[in-house]
């Protein structure tokens, strides 16, 4: 079994999950960093202002596996760019 470890991921939001209203409140996004995807899940949140498809951000937290997917629960985050903004060259 792979151990959990502290990681830092820099990438962009490639997709969001909008759970049904009957589900426990959570906000879930997939972040692509150029090599793979990690799913970030914030429990007890229905949204995070400024975070949506195309948002560039940095995530920091403990990475684990859920099946074949990498996940981070309640990671710290920093928004580094919004959709439509040019990336620094």
PDB file of N, CA and C in Angstrom:
ATOM      1  N   UNK A   1       0.845  -1.195   0.000  1.00  0.00           N
ATOM      2  CA  UNK A   1       0.000   0.000   0.000  1.00  0.00           C
ATOM      3  C   UNK A   1       0.881   1.246   0.000  1.00  0.00           C
ATOM      4  N   UNK A   2       0.566   2.170  -0.871  1.00  0.00           N
ATOM      5  CA  UNK A   2       1.345   3.400  -0.966  1.00  0.00           C
ATOM      6  C   UNK A   2       1.023   4.313   0.214  1.00  0.00           C
ATOM      7  N   UNK A   3       2.051   4.890   0.806  1.00  0.00           N
ATOM      8  CA  UNK A   3       1.867   5.787   1.948  1.00  0.00           C
ATOM      9  C   UNK A   3       1.427   7.160   1.487  1.00  0.00           C
ATOM     10  N   UNK A   4       0.726   7.835   2.379  1.00  0.00           N
ATOM     11  CA  UNK A   4       0.363   9.225   2.109  1.00  0.00           C
ATOM     12  C   UNK A   4       1.591  10.093   2.318  1.00  0.00           C
ATOM     13  N   UNK A   5       1.637  11.215   1.585  1.00  0.00           N
ATOM     14  CA  UNK A   5       2.768  12.123   1.756  1.00  0.00           C
ATOM     15  C   UNK A   5       2.360  13.544   1.416  1.00  0.00           C
ATOM     16  N   UNK A   6       3.065  14.490   1.998  1.00  0.00           N
ATOM     17  CA  UNK A   6       2.831  15.913   1.749  1.00  0.00           C
ATOM     18  C   UNK A   6       3.347  16.248   0.353  1.00  0.00           C
ATOM     19  N   UNK A   7       2.510  16.926  -0.443  1.00  0.00           N
ATOM     20  CA  UNK A   7       2.892  17.281  -1.809  1.00  0.00           C
ATOM     21  C   UNK A   7       2.463  18.706  -2.127  1.00  0.00           C
ATOM     22  N   UNK A   8       3.052  19.217  -3.194  1.00  0.00           N
ATOM     23  CA  UNK A   8       2.690  20.529  -3.752  1.00  0.00           C
ATOM     24  C   UNK A   8       2.441  20.300  -5.233  1.00  0.00           C
ATOM     25  N   UNK A   9       1.269  20.706  -5.720  1.00  0.00           N
ATOM     26  CA  UNK A   9       0.870  20.507  -7.109  1.00  0.00           C
ATOM     27  C   UNK A   9       0.536  21.869  -7.714  1.00  0.00           C
ATOM     28  N   UNK A  10       1.112  22.160  -8.872  1.00  0.00           N
ATOM     29  CA  UNK A  10       0.819  23.391  -9.597  1.00  0.00           C
ATOM     30  C   UNK A  10       0.193  23.004 -10.922  1.00  0.00           C
ATOM     31  N   UNK A  11      -1.012  23.501 -11.188  1.00  0.00           N
ATOM     32  CA  UNK A  11      -1.683  23.157 -12.438  1.00  0.00           C
ATOM     33  C   UNK A  11      -2.932  23.977 -12.639  1.00  0.00           C
ATOM     34  N   UNK A  12      -3.849  23.449 -13.453  1.00  0.00           N
ATOM     35  CA  UNK A  12      -5.098  24.163 -13.721  1.00  0.00           C
ATOM     36  C   UNK A  12      -6.276  23.213 -13.524  1.00  0.00           C
ATOM     37  N   UNK A  13      -7.417  23.813 -13.213  1.00  0.00           N
ATOM     38  CA  UNK A  13      -8.638  23.034 -13.003  1.00  0.00           C
ATOM     39  C   UNK A  13      -9.124  22.535 -14.356  1.00  0.00           C
ATOM     40  N   UNK A  14      -9.120  21.214 -14.521  1.00  0.00           N
ATOM     41  CA  UNK A  14      -9.565  20.629 -15.785  1.00  0.00           C
ATOM     42  C   UNK A  14     -11.035  20.240 -15.748  1.00  0.00           C
ATOM     43  N   UNK A  15     -11.582  20.011 -14.547  1.00  0.00           N
ATOM     44  CA  UNK A  15     -13.008  19.715 -14.425  1.00  0.00           C
ATOM     45  C   UNK A  15     -13.463  19.885 -12.982  1.00  0.00           C
ATOM     46  N   UNK A  16     -14.786  20.005 -12.821  1.00  0.00           N
ATOM     47  CA  UNK A  16     -15.409  20.136 -11.507  1.00  0.00           C
ATOM     48  C   UNK A  16     -16.517  19.105 -11.394  1.00  0.00           C
ATOM     49  N   UNK A  17     -16.768  18.678 -10.165  1.00  0.00           N
ATOM     50  CA  UNK A  17     -17.891  17.783  -9.899  1.00  0.00           C
ATOM     51  C   UNK A  17     -18.954  18.590  -9.168  1.00  0.00           C
ATOM     52  N   UNK A  18     -20.160  18.553  -9.658  1.00  0.00           N
ATOM     53  CA  UNK A  18     -21.276  19.218  -8.989  1.00  0.00           C
ATOM     54  C   UNK A  18     -22.159  18.116  -8.418  1.00  0.00           C
ATOM     55  N   UNK A  19     -22.054  17.900  -7.094  1.00  0.00           N
ATOM     56  CA  UNK A  19     -22.821  16.800  -6.502  1.00  0.00           C
ATOM     57  C   UNK A  19     -24.305  17.131  -6.428  1.00  0.00           C
ATOM     58  N   UNK A  20     -25.152  16.107  -6.364  1.00  0.00           N
ATOM     59  CA  UNK A  20     -26.588  16.368  -6.212  1.00  0.00           C
ATOM     60  C   UNK A  20     -26.863  17.017  -4.859  1.00  0.00           C
ATOM     61  N   UNK A  21     -27.952  17.750  -4.780  1.00  0.00           N
ATOM     62  CA  UNK A  21     -28.267  18.449  -3.530  1.00  0.00           C
ATOM     63  C   UNK A  21     -28.506  17.494  -2.374  1.00  0.00           C
ATOM     64  N   UNK A  22     -28.821  16.243  -2.664  1.00  0.00           N
ATOM     65  CA  UNK A  22     -29.053  15.259  -1.606  1.00  0.00           C
ATOM     66  C   UNK A  22     -27.750  14.691  -1.026  1.00  0.00           C
ATOM     67  N   UNK A  23     -26.621  14.940  -1.694  1.00  0.00           N
ATOM     68  CA  UNK A  23     -25.326  14.413  -1.251  1.00  0.00           C
ATOM     69  C   UNK A  23     -24.732  15.302  -0.161  1.00  0.00           C
ATOM     70  N   UNK A  24     -23.848  14.749   0.671  1.00  0.00           N
ATOM     71  CA  UNK A  24     -23.155  15.601   1.654  1.00  0.00           C
ATOM     72  C   UNK A  24     -22.405  16.725   0.935  1.00  0.00           C
ATOM     73  N   UNK A  25     -22.334  17.873   1.563  1.00  0.00           N
ATOM     74  CA  UNK A  25     -21.732  19.044   0.937  1.00  0.00           C
ATOM     75  C   UNK A  25     -20.232  18.830   0.735  1.00  0.00           C
ATOM     76  N   UNK A  26     -19.790  18.995  -0.513  1.00  0.00           N
ATOM     77  CA  UNK A  26     -18.363  18.929  -0.837  1.00  0.00           C
ATOM     78  C   UNK A  26     -18.131  19.670  -2.149  1.00  0.00           C
ATOM     79  N   UNK A  27     -16.889  20.104  -2.338  1.00  0.00           N
ATOM     80  CA  UNK A  27     -16.471  20.784  -3.567  1.00  0.00           C
ATOM     81  C   UNK A  27     -15.301  19.982  -4.103  1.00  0.00           C
ATOM     82  N   UNK A  28     -15.405  19.520  -5.348  1.00  0.00           N
ATOM     83  CA  UNK A  28     -14.412  18.603  -5.906  1.00  0.00           C
ATOM     84  C   UNK A  28     -13.977  19.088  -7.283  1.00  0.00           C
ATOM     85  N   UNK A  29     -12.650  19.172  -7.468  1.00  0.00           N
ATOM     86  CA  UNK A  29     -12.091  19.583  -8.758  1.00  0.00           C
ATOM     87  C   UNK A  29     -10.973  18.623  -9.152  1.00  0.00           C
ATOM     88  N   UNK A  30     -10.737  18.513 -10.449  1.00  0.00           N
ATOM     89  CA  UNK A  30      -9.569  17.800 -10.966  1.00  0.00           C
ATOM     90  C   UNK A  30      -8.565  18.842 -11.403  1.00  0.00           C
ATOM     91  N   UNK A  31      -7.319  18.680 -10.968  1.00  0.00           N
ATOM     92  CA  UNK A  31      -6.242  19.603 -11.306  1.00  0.00           C
ATOM     93  C   UNK A  31      -5.202  18.843 -12.123  1.00  0.00           C
ATOM     94  N   UNK A  32      -4.915  19.356 -13.323  1.00  0.00           N
ATOM     95  CA  UNK A  32      -3.926  18.754 -14.221  1.00  0.00           C
ATOM     96  C   UNK A  32      -2.641  19.566 -14.138  1.00  0.00           C
ATOM     97  N   UNK A  33      -1.527  18.885 -13.896  1.00  0.00           N
ATOM     98  CA  UNK A  33      -0.244  19.582 -13.734  1.00  0.00           C
ATOM     99  C   UNK A  33       0.716  19.363 -14.899  1.00  0.00           C
ATOM    100  N   UNK A  34       0.250  18.778 -15.990  1.00  0.00           N
ATOM    101  CA  UNK A  34       1.113  18.512 -17.141  1.00  0.00           C
ATOM    102  C   UNK A  34       1.612  17.081 -17.160  1.00  0.00           C
ATOM    103  N   UNK A  35       1.552  16.383 -16.029  1.00  0.00           N
ATOM    104  CA  UNK A  35       1.994  14.990 -15.972  1.00  0.00           C
ATOM    105  C   UNK A  35       0.863  14.052 -15.572  1.00  0.00           C
ATOM    106  N   UNK A  36      -0.149  14.579 -14.925  1.00  0.00           N
ATOM    107  CA  UNK A  36      -1.256  13.760 -14.452  1.00  0.00           C
ATOM    108  C   UNK A  36      -2.279  14.624 -13.748  1.00  0.00           C
ATOM    109  N   UNK A  37      -3.273  13.974 -13.188  1.00  0.00           N
ATOM    110  CA  UNK A  37      -4.376  14.672 -12.550  1.00  0.00           C
ATOM    111  C   UNK A  37      -4.504  14.249 -11.093  1.00  0.00           C
ATOM    112  N   UNK A  38      -4.793  15.217 -10.252  1.00  0.00           N
ATOM    113  CA  UNK A  38      -5.110  14.958  -8.850  1.00  0.00           C
ATOM    114  C   UNK A  38      -6.487  15.554  -8.584  1.00  0.00           C
ATOM    115  N   UNK A  39      -7.290  14.844  -7.811  1.00  0.00           N
ATOM    116  CA  UNK A  39      -8.602  15.336  -7.433  1.00  0.00           C
ATOM    117  C   UNK A  39      -8.504  15.977  -6.061  1.00  0.00           C
ATOM    118  N   UNK A  40      -8.903  17.241  -5.966  1.00  0.00           N
ATOM    119  CA  UNK A  40      -8.923  17.959  -4.692  1.00  0.00           C
ATOM    120  C   UNK A  40     -10.362  17.995  -4.201  1.00  0.00           C
ATOM    121  N   UNK A  41     -10.559  17.616  -2.944  1.00  0.00           N
ATOM    122  CA  UNK A  41     -11.901  17.543  -2.369  1.00  0.00           C
ATOM    123  C   UNK A  41     -11.918  18.333  -1.069  1.00  0.00           C
ATOM    124  N   UNK A  42     -12.807  19.322  -1.017  1.00  0.00           N
ATOM    125  CA  UNK A  42     -13.004  20.083   0.219  1.00  0.00           C
ATOM    126  C   UNK A  42     -14.331  19.644   0.811  1.00  0.00           C
ATOM    127  N   UNK A  43     -14.285  19.004   1.957  1.00  0.00           N
ATOM    128  CA  UNK A  43     -15.487  18.537   2.623  1.00  0.00           C
ATOM    129  C   UNK A  43     -16.163  19.702   3.339  1.00  0.00           C
ATOM    130  N   UNK A  44     -17.487  19.754   3.292  1.00  0.00           N
ATOM    131  CA  UNK A  44     -18.235  20.812   3.956  1.00  0.00           C
ATOM    132  C   UNK A  44     -18.297  22.114   3.179  1.00  0.00           C
ATOM    133  N   UNK A  45     -17.779  22.128   1.954  1.00  0.00           N
ATOM    134  CA  UNK A  45     -17.803  23.324   1.096  1.00  0.00           C
ATOM    135  C   UNK A  45     -18.680  23.036  -0.111  1.00  0.00           C
ATOM    136  N   UNK A  46     -19.455  24.016  -0.535  1.00  0.00           N
ATOM    137  CA  UNK A  46     -20.229  23.836  -1.766  1.00  0.00           C
ATOM    138  C   UNK A  46     -19.552  24.519  -2.949  1.00  0.00           C
ATOM    139  N   UNK A  47     -18.656  25.456  -2.647  1.00  0.00           N
ATOM    140  CA  UNK A  47     -17.884  26.136  -3.698  1.00  0.00           C
ATOM    141  C   UNK A  47     -16.724  26.871  -3.044  1.00  0.00           C
ATOM    142  N   UNK A  48     -15.771  27.269  -3.869  1.00  0.00           N
ATOM    143  CA  UNK A  48     -14.667  28.110  -3.420  1.00  0.00           C
ATOM    144  C   UNK A  48     -14.601  29.270  -4.398  1.00  0.00           C
ATOM    145  N   UNK A  49     -14.832  30.497  -3.936  1.00  0.00           N
ATOM    146  CA  UNK A  49     -14.848  31.653  -4.838  1.00  0.00           C
ATOM    147  C   UNK A  49     -13.560  31.744  -5.668  1.00  0.00           C
ATOM    148  N   UNK A  50     -13.731  31.945  -6.968  1.00  0.00           N
ATOM    149  CA  UNK A  50     -12.596  32.098  -7.871  1.00  0.00           C
ATOM    150  C   UNK A  50     -12.054  30.805  -8.434  1.00  0.00           C
ATOM    151  N   UNK A  51     -12.524  29.671  -7.934  1.00  0.00           N
ATOM    152  CA  UNK A  51     -12.014  28.375  -8.413  1.00  0.00           C
ATOM    153  C   UNK A  51     -13.056  27.739  -9.322  1.00  0.00           C
ATOM    154  N   UNK A  52     -12.660  27.532 -10.578  1.00  0.00           N
ATOM    155  CA  UNK A  52     -13.528  26.911 -11.572  1.00  0.00           C
ATOM    156  C   UNK A  52     -12.692  26.410 -12.729  1.00  0.00           C
ATOM    157  N   UNK A  53     -13.316  25.842 -13.749  1.00  0.00           N
ATOM    158  CA  UNK A  53     -12.565  25.333 -14.890  1.00  0.00           C
ATOM    159  C   UNK A  53     -11.631  26.397 -15.476  1.00  0.00           C
ATOM    160  N   UNK A  54     -10.383  26.010 -15.682  1.00  0.00           N
ATOM    161  CA  UNK A  54      -9.379  26.902 -16.248  1.00  0.00           C
ATOM    162  C   UNK A  54      -8.578  27.687 -15.225  1.00  0.00           C
ATOM    163  N   UNK A  55      -9.010  27.718 -13.967  1.00  0.00           N
ATOM    164  CA  UNK A  55      -8.267  28.434 -12.927  1.00  0.00           C
ATOM    165  C   UNK A  55      -6.924  27.750 -12.697  1.00  0.00           C
ATOM    166  N   UNK A  56      -5.858  28.537 -12.658  1.00  0.00           N
ATOM    167  CA  UNK A  56      -4.537  28.000 -12.312  1.00  0.00           C
ATOM    168  C   UNK A  56      -4.346  28.159 -10.815  1.00  0.00           C
ATOM    169  N   UNK A  57      -3.816  27.116 -10.196  1.00  0.00           N
ATOM    170  CA  UNK A  57      -3.617  27.200  -8.757  1.00  0.00           C
ATOM    171  C   UNK A  57      -2.513  26.279  -8.281  1.00  0.00           C
ATOM    172  N   UNK A  58      -2.142  26.484  -7.034  1.00  0.00           N
ATOM    173  CA  UNK A  58      -1.175  25.632  -6.342  1.00  0.00           C
ATOM    174  C   UNK A  58      -1.922  24.977  -5.195  1.00  0.00           C
ATOM    175  N   UNK A  59      -1.800  23.664  -5.089  1.00  0.00           N
ATOM    176  CA  UNK A  59      -2.379  22.915  -3.984  1.00  0.00           C
ATOM    177  C   UNK A  59      -1.261  22.380  -3.112  1.00  0.00           C
ATOM    178  N   UNK A  60      -1.466  22.410  -1.806  1.00  0.00           N
ATOM    179  CA  UNK A  60      -0.513  21.800  -0.873  1.00  0.00           C
ATOM    180  C   UNK A  60      -1.295  20.996   0.137  1.00  0.00           C
ATOM    181  N   UNK A  61      -0.854  19.769   0.367  1.00  0.00           N
ATOM    182  CA  UNK A  61      -1.528  18.924   1.341  1.00  0.00           C
ATOM    183  C   UNK A  61      -1.055  17.494   1.224  1.00  0.00           C
ATOM    184  N   UNK A  62      -1.797  16.622   1.857  1.00  0.00           N
ATOM    185  CA  UNK A  62      -1.451  15.204   1.873  1.00  0.00           C
ATOM    186  C   UNK A  62      -2.129  14.517   0.694  1.00  0.00           C
ATOM    187  N   UNK A  63      -1.331  13.828  -0.101  1.00  0.00           N
ATOM    188  CA  UNK A  63      -1.856  13.077  -1.245  1.00  0.00           C
ATOM    189  C   UNK A  63      -2.061  11.626  -0.842  1.00  0.00           C
ATOM    190  N   UNK A  64      -3.130  11.055  -1.357  1.00  0.00           N
ATOM    191  CA  UNK A  64      -3.445   9.652  -1.095  1.00  0.00           C
ATOM    192  C   UNK A  64      -4.019   9.063  -2.381  1.00  0.00           C
ATOM    193  N   UNK A  65      -4.405   7.821  -2.321  1.00  0.00           N
ATOM    194  CA  UNK A  65      -5.030   7.161  -3.467  1.00  0.00           C
ATOM    195  C   UNK A  65      -6.447   6.764  -3.095  1.00  0.00           C
ATOM    196  N   UNK A  66      -7.352   6.976  -4.030  1.00  0.00           N
ATOM    197  CA  UNK A  66      -8.730   6.498  -3.915  1.00  0.00           C
ATOM    198  C   UNK A  66      -8.946   5.664  -5.162  1.00  0.00           C
ATOM    199  N   UNK A  67      -8.825   4.363  -5.010  1.00  0.00           N
ATOM    200  CA  UNK A  67      -8.830   3.489  -6.185  1.00  0.00           C
ATOM    201  C   UNK A  67      -7.567   3.750  -6.988  1.00  0.00           C
ATOM    202  N   UNK A  68      -7.733   4.095  -8.258  1.00  0.00           N
ATOM    203  CA  UNK A  68      -6.589   4.388  -9.126  1.00  0.00           C
ATOM    204  C   UNK A  68      -6.329   5.885  -9.263  1.00  0.00           C
ATOM    205  N   UNK A  69      -7.030   6.702  -8.476  1.00  0.00           N
ATOM    206  CA  UNK A  69      -6.922   8.155  -8.592  1.00  0.00           C
ATOM    207  C   UNK A  69      -6.158   8.752  -7.424  1.00  0.00           C
ATOM    208  N   UNK A  70      -5.370   9.791  -7.713  1.00  0.00           N
ATOM    209  CA  UNK A  70      -4.699  10.559  -6.657  1.00  0.00           C
ATOM    210  C   UNK A  70      -5.689  11.579  -6.122  1.00  0.00           C
ATOM    211  N   UNK A  71      -5.766  11.691  -4.807  1.00  0.00           N
ATOM    212  CA  UNK A  71      -6.689  12.643  -4.182  1.00  0.00           C
ATOM    213  C   UNK A  71      -5.992  13.425  -3.078  1.00  0.00           C
ATOM    214  N   UNK A  72      -6.526  14.617  -2.827  1.00  0.00           N
ATOM    215  CA  UNK A  72      -6.095  15.448  -1.704  1.00  0.00           C
ATOM    216  C   UNK A  72      -7.362  15.945  -1.031  1.00  0.00           C
ATOM    217  N   UNK A  73      -7.485  15.713   0.273  1.00  0.00           N
ATOM    218  CA  UNK A  73      -8.643  16.195   1.010  1.00  0.00           C
ATOM    219  C   UNK A  73      -8.303  17.491   1.722  1.00  0.00           C
ATOM    220  N   UNK A  74      -9.164  18.486   1.534  1.00  0.00           N
ATOM    221  CA  UNK A  74      -9.033  19.798   2.175  1.00  0.00           C
ATOM    222  C   UNK A  74      -7.630  20.401   2.043  1.00  0.00           C
ATOM    223  N   UNK A  75      -7.072  20.420   0.806  1.00  0.00           N
ATOM    224  CA  UNK A  75      -5.727  20.988   0.652  1.00  0.00           C
ATOM    225  C   UNK A  75      -5.729  22.513   0.812  1.00  0.00           C
ATOM    226  N   UNK A  76      -4.576  23.035   1.182  1.00  0.00           N
ATOM    227  CA  UNK A  76      -4.377  24.488   1.128  1.00  0.00           C
ATOM    228  C   UNK A  76      -4.258  24.828  -0.355  1.00  0.00           C
ATOM    229  N   UNK A  77      -4.669  26.031  -0.725  1.00  0.00           N
ATOM    230  CA  UNK A  77      -4.607  26.403  -2.143  1.00  0.00           C
ATOM    231  C   UNK A  77      -4.274  27.870  -2.289  1.00  0.00           C
ATOM    232  N   UNK A  78      -3.699  28.191  -3.447  1.00  0.00           N
ATOM    233  CA  UNK A  78      -3.428  29.571  -3.837  1.00  0.00           C
ATOM    234  C   UNK A  78      -3.802  29.705  -5.300  1.00  0.00           C
ATOM    235  N   UNK A  79      -4.669  30.656  -5.609  1.00  0.00           N
ATOM    236  CA  UNK A  79      -5.039  30.925  -7.003  1.00  0.00           C
ATOM    237  C   UNK A  79      -3.914  31.742  -7.631  1.00  0.00           C
ATOM    238  N   UNK A  80      -3.372  31.240  -8.756  1.00  0.00           N
ATOM    239  CA  UNK A  80      -2.268  31.918  -9.428  1.00  0.00           C
ATOM    240  C   UNK A  80      -2.662  32.505 -10.768  1.00  0.00           C
ATOM    241  N   UNK A  81      -3.860  32.197 -11.249  1.00  0.00           N
ATOM    242  CA  UNK A  81      -4.327  32.744 -12.514  1.00  0.00           C
ATOM    243  C   UNK A  81      -5.769  32.360 -12.760  1.00  0.00           C
ATOM    244  N   UNK A  82      -6.480  33.258 -13.423  1.00  0.00           N
ATOM    245  CA  UNK A  82      -7.885  33.020 -13.735  1.00  0.00           C
ATOM    246  C   UNK A  82      -8.031  32.696 -15.211  1.00  0.00           C
ATOM    247  N   UNK A  83      -9.121  32.017 -15.606  1.00  0.00           N
ATOM    248  CA  UNK A  83      -9.335  31.692 -17.012  1.00  0.00           C
ATOM    249  C   UNK A  83      -9.245  32.947 -17.887  1.00  0.00           C
ATOM    250  N   UNK A  84      -8.551  32.830 -19.010  1.00  0.00           N
ATOM    251  CA  UNK A  84      -8.420  33.952 -19.933  1.00  0.00           C
ATOM    252  C   UNK A  84      -7.218  34.823 -19.681  1.00  0.00           C
ATOM    253  N   UNK A  85      -6.591  34.710 -18.517  1.00  0.00           N
ATOM    254  CA  UNK A  85      -5.377  35.481 -18.241  1.00  0.00           C
ATOM    255  C   UNK A  85      -4.196  34.802 -18.898  1.00  0.00           C
ATOM    256  N   UNK A  86      -3.247  35.608 -19.328  1.00  0.00           N
ATOM    257  CA  UNK A  86      -2.033  35.067 -19.912  1.00  0.00           C
ATOM    258  C   UNK A  86      -1.129  34.522 -18.821  1.00  0.00           C
ATOM    259  N   UNK A  87      -0.482  33.391 -19.104  1.00  0.00           N
ATOM    260  CA  UNK A  87       0.511  32.854 -18.183  1.00  0.00           C
ATOM    261  C   UNK A  87       1.780  33.661 -18.331  1.00  0.00           C
ATOM    262  N   UNK A  88       2.556  33.755 -17.221  1.00  0.00           N
ATOM    263  CA  UNK A  88       3.860  34.423 -17.300  1.00  0.00           C
ATOM    264  C   UNK A  88       4.776  33.628 -18.203  1.00  0.00           C
ATOM    265  N   UNK A  89       5.499  34.314 -19.051  1.00  0.00           N
ATOM    266  CA  UNK A  89       6.408  33.638 -20.003  1.00  0.00           C
ATOM    267  C   UNK A  89       7.719  33.326 -19.363  1.00  0.00           C
TER     268      UNK A  89
END
